[in-house]
N, C-alpha and C. Protein backbone atom coordinates (compact mmCIF):
# COMPACT_ATOMS: atom_id res chain seq x y z
N UNK A 1 -27.65 -6.59 33.57
CA UNK A 1 -27.60 -7.73 34.43
C UNK A 1 -27.52 -6.75 35.95
N UNK A 2 -26.62 -5.96 35.95
CA UNK A 2 -26.53 -5.11 37.43
C UNK A 2 -28.14 -4.51 37.52
N UNK A 3 -28.78 -4.00 36.62
CA UNK A 3 -30.15 -3.42 36.89
C UNK A 3 -31.10 -4.43 37.20
N UNK A 4 -30.93 -5.66 36.61
CA UNK A 4 -31.82 -6.76 37.16
C UNK A 4 -31.59 -7.50 38.34
N UNK A 5 -30.41 -7.01 38.93
CA UNK A 5 -29.78 -7.66 40.03
C UNK A 5 -29.30 -8.88 40.16
N UNK A 6 -28.97 -9.34 38.82
CA UNK A 6 -28.36 -10.83 38.66
C UNK A 6 -27.00 -10.57 38.79
N UNK A 7 -26.27 -9.47 38.90
CA UNK A 7 -24.80 -9.47 38.92
C UNK A 7 -24.72 -8.23 39.82
N UNK A 8 -23.73 -8.46 40.72
CA UNK A 8 -23.45 -7.40 41.74
C UNK A 8 -22.52 -6.33 40.88
N UNK A 9 -22.48 -5.08 41.67
CA UNK A 9 -21.65 -3.86 41.00
C UNK A 9 -20.41 -4.38 41.13
N UNK A 10 -19.96 -5.09 42.22
CA UNK A 10 -18.65 -5.50 42.35
C UNK A 10 -18.19 -6.48 41.05
N UNK A 11 -19.19 -7.52 40.93
CA UNK A 11 -18.74 -8.34 39.83
C UNK A 11 -18.66 -7.75 38.41
N UNK A 12 -19.67 -6.85 38.25
CA UNK A 12 -19.65 -5.98 36.97
C UNK A 12 -18.41 -5.49 36.51
N UNK A 13 -17.96 -4.67 37.79
CA UNK A 13 -16.79 -3.95 37.57
C UNK A 13 -15.65 -4.74 37.32
N UNK A 14 -15.28 -5.80 37.91
CA UNK A 14 -14.43 -6.73 37.48
C UNK A 14 -14.65 -7.33 36.42
N UNK A 15 -15.58 -7.74 35.90
CA UNK A 15 -16.00 -8.05 34.27
C UNK A 15 -15.53 -7.31 33.12
N UNK A 16 -15.89 -5.82 33.50
CA UNK A 16 -15.59 -4.83 32.79
C UNK A 16 -14.23 -4.29 32.78
N UNK A 17 -13.59 -4.31 33.80
CA UNK A 17 -12.28 -3.97 34.21
C UNK A 17 -12.52 -2.30 34.35
N UNK A 18 -13.70 -1.92 35.08
CA UNK A 18 -13.73 -0.51 35.48
C UNK A 18 -13.87 -0.55 36.96
N UNK A 19 -13.94 0.62 37.59
CA UNK A 19 -14.13 0.67 38.92
C UNK A 19 -15.79 0.67 39.28
N UNK A 20 -16.03 0.19 40.65
CA UNK A 20 -17.21 0.14 40.97
C UNK A 20 -17.98 1.27 40.95
N UNK A 21 -17.47 2.47 41.19
CA UNK A 21 -17.74 3.77 41.07
C UNK A 21 -18.18 4.14 39.78
N UNK A 22 -17.39 3.66 38.74
CA UNK A 22 -17.90 3.81 37.39
C UNK A 22 -19.13 3.05 36.85
N UNK A 23 -19.33 1.98 37.53
CA UNK A 23 -20.51 1.05 37.39
C UNK A 23 -21.58 1.68 37.90
N UNK A 24 -21.64 2.29 39.05
CA UNK A 24 -22.60 2.96 39.58
C UNK A 24 -23.18 4.15 38.85
N UNK A 25 -22.13 4.87 38.33
CA UNK A 25 -22.47 6.07 37.74
C UNK A 25 -22.95 5.80 36.21
N UNK A 26 -22.52 4.76 35.61
CA UNK A 26 -23.18 4.24 34.39
C UNK A 26 -24.39 3.70 34.76
N UNK A 27 -24.71 3.01 35.65
CA UNK A 27 -26.17 2.42 35.86
C UNK A 27 -27.04 3.58 36.16
N UNK A 28 -26.67 4.57 36.98
CA UNK A 28 -27.54 5.89 37.31
C UNK A 28 -27.89 6.44 35.97
N UNK A 29 -26.72 6.74 35.13
CA UNK A 29 -27.10 7.52 33.83
C UNK A 29 -27.99 6.52 32.70
N UNK A 30 -27.95 5.22 32.80
CA UNK A 30 -28.69 4.12 32.00
C UNK A 30 -30.21 4.41 32.43
N UNK A 31 -30.12 4.55 33.76
CA UNK A 31 -31.82 4.45 34.60
C UNK A 31 -32.37 5.65 33.98
N UNK A 32 -31.75 6.79 34.07
CA UNK A 32 -32.21 8.19 33.69
C UNK A 32 -32.16 8.42 32.29
N UNK A 33 -31.23 7.99 31.46
CA UNK A 33 -31.59 8.37 30.04
C UNK A 33 -31.79 6.99 28.95
N UNK A 34 -31.75 5.81 29.45
CA UNK A 34 -31.60 4.88 28.63
C UNK A 34 -30.45 4.51 28.23
N UNK A 35 -30.40 3.45 26.91
CA UNK A 35 -29.21 2.90 26.22
C UNK A 35 -28.45 4.23 25.55
N UNK A 36 -28.88 5.22 25.06
CA UNK A 36 -28.28 6.48 24.78
C UNK A 36 -27.18 6.92 25.76
N UNK A 37 -27.49 6.76 26.91
CA UNK A 37 -26.46 7.32 27.84
C UNK A 37 -25.25 6.61 28.04
N UNK A 38 -25.05 5.36 27.45
CA UNK A 38 -23.85 4.39 27.18
C UNK A 38 -22.86 4.76 25.99
N UNK A 39 -23.36 5.70 25.11
CA UNK A 39 -22.82 6.02 23.93
C UNK A 39 -21.77 7.28 24.15
N UNK A 40 -20.52 7.04 23.74
CA UNK A 40 -19.71 8.21 24.02
C UNK A 40 -20.19 9.56 23.35
N UNK A 41 -20.00 10.60 24.12
CA UNK A 41 -20.38 11.98 23.68
C UNK A 41 -19.78 12.22 22.41
N UNK A 42 -18.71 12.04 22.16
CA UNK A 42 -18.20 12.55 20.73
C UNK A 42 -18.35 11.49 19.55
N UNK A 43 -19.45 10.40 19.70
CA UNK A 43 -19.71 9.51 18.89
C UNK A 43 -20.24 10.13 17.50
N UNK A 44 -19.55 9.89 16.48
CA UNK A 44 -20.31 10.59 15.20
C UNK A 44 -19.52 11.88 14.85
N UNK A 45 -18.81 12.40 15.63
CA UNK A 45 -18.06 13.84 15.41
C UNK A 45 -16.75 13.68 14.86
N UNK A 46 -16.54 14.50 14.03
CA UNK A 46 -15.01 14.41 13.63
C UNK A 46 -14.08 15.08 14.53
N UNK A 47 -12.99 14.24 14.63
CA UNK A 47 -11.86 14.84 15.64
C UNK A 47 -11.63 16.54 15.39
N UNK A 48 -11.25 16.94 16.67
CA UNK A 48 -10.85 18.31 16.23
C UNK A 48 -9.40 18.40 15.60
N UNK A 49 -8.57 17.30 15.87
CA UNK A 49 -7.21 17.57 15.09
C UNK A 49 -7.06 16.84 13.96
N UNK A 50 -8.18 16.52 13.08
CA UNK A 50 -8.44 15.94 11.99
C UNK A 50 -7.72 16.46 10.76
N UNK A 51 -7.16 16.01 9.79
CA UNK A 51 -6.36 16.85 8.69
C UNK A 51 -7.62 16.89 7.74
N UNK A 52 -7.79 18.02 7.19
CA UNK A 52 -9.06 18.25 6.19
C UNK A 52 -8.75 17.13 4.97
N UNK A 53 -9.97 16.61 4.54
CA UNK A 53 -9.82 15.49 3.47
C UNK A 53 -9.25 15.98 2.01
N UNK A 54 -9.29 17.35 1.81
CA UNK A 54 -8.51 17.80 0.84
C UNK A 54 -6.93 17.60 0.72
N UNK A 55 -6.53 18.10 2.09
CA UNK A 55 -5.11 17.96 2.38
C UNK A 55 -4.46 16.66 2.34
N UNK A 56 -5.37 15.77 3.05
CA UNK A 56 -5.05 14.30 2.90
C UNK A 56 -4.89 13.64 1.46
N UNK A 57 -5.78 14.10 0.63
CA UNK A 57 -5.71 13.44 -0.63
C UNK A 57 -4.40 13.98 -1.53
N UNK A 58 -4.25 15.11 -1.19
CA UNK A 58 -3.08 15.99 -1.81
C UNK A 58 -1.70 15.16 -1.23
N UNK A 59 -1.63 15.10 0.01
CA UNK A 59 -0.38 14.19 0.39
C UNK A 59 -0.25 13.03 -0.21
N UNK A 60 -1.31 12.18 -0.27
CA UNK A 60 -1.48 10.90 -0.78
C UNK A 60 -0.74 10.88 -2.32
N UNK A 61 -1.57 11.93 -3.07
CA UNK A 61 -1.18 12.06 -4.50
C UNK A 61 0.37 12.61 -4.57
N UNK A 62 1.05 13.30 -3.52
CA UNK A 62 2.51 13.58 -3.83
C UNK A 62 3.53 12.50 -3.66
N UNK A 63 2.76 11.70 -2.47
CA UNK A 63 3.57 10.22 -2.02
C UNK A 63 3.66 9.65 -3.27
N UNK A 64 2.54 9.38 -3.92
CA UNK A 64 2.54 8.52 -5.20
C UNK A 64 3.02 8.98 -6.40
N UNK A 65 3.46 10.12 -6.58
CA UNK A 65 4.32 10.92 -7.57
C UNK A 65 5.70 10.34 -7.64
N UNK A 66 6.16 10.19 -8.98
CA UNK A 66 7.56 9.93 -9.16
C UNK A 66 8.43 11.22 -9.52
N UNK A 67 9.32 11.40 -8.63
CA UNK A 67 10.23 12.64 -9.05
C UNK A 67 11.48 12.18 -9.96
N UNK A 68 11.96 12.65 -10.83
CA UNK A 68 12.99 12.16 -11.67
C UNK A 68 14.25 12.22 -10.61
N UNK A 69 15.18 11.40 -10.63
CA UNK A 69 16.34 11.68 -9.86
C UNK A 69 16.45 11.14 -8.19
N UNK A 70 15.20 10.87 -8.21
CA UNK A 70 14.98 10.78 -6.45
C UNK A 70 15.57 9.54 -6.12
N UNK A 71 15.85 9.16 -4.76
CA UNK A 71 16.27 7.84 -4.61
C UNK A 71 15.32 7.14 -3.87
N UNK A 72 13.91 7.49 -4.09
CA UNK A 72 13.04 6.50 -3.26
C UNK A 72 12.98 5.15 -3.85
N UNK A 73 12.25 4.41 -3.32
CA UNK A 73 11.99 2.75 -3.74
C UNK A 73 11.30 2.87 -4.87
N UNK A 74 11.72 1.92 -5.93
CA UNK A 74 10.99 1.65 -7.11
C UNK A 74 9.53 1.13 -7.12
N UNK A 75 9.23 0.42 -6.14
CA UNK A 75 7.75 -0.01 -6.09
C UNK A 75 6.68 1.03 -5.63
N UNK A 76 5.82 0.93 -6.43
CA UNK A 76 4.77 2.16 -6.20
C UNK A 76 4.16 1.95 -4.66
N UNK A 77 3.65 3.38 -4.25
CA UNK A 77 3.15 3.29 -3.04
C UNK A 77 1.66 2.97 -3.09
N UNK A 78 1.12 1.85 -2.27
CA UNK A 78 -0.45 1.52 -2.70
C UNK A 78 -1.39 2.41 -1.54
């Protein structure tokens, strides 16, 4: 809408909850690179602080395991 001139930069900023400068920056990127410019740069990438899948599965398995004499709740962890 800003590109077509139907909405002002100020109105777009207010509607999106971002600054006018950010609207101008996003518009410039959109005009030069198209819709792909609006996708976050880390989209589709695994977070650098993510736990390895095997480790996560092991943690879940340990959490579900019953230990004789433990004082944990009697209902199973789902």
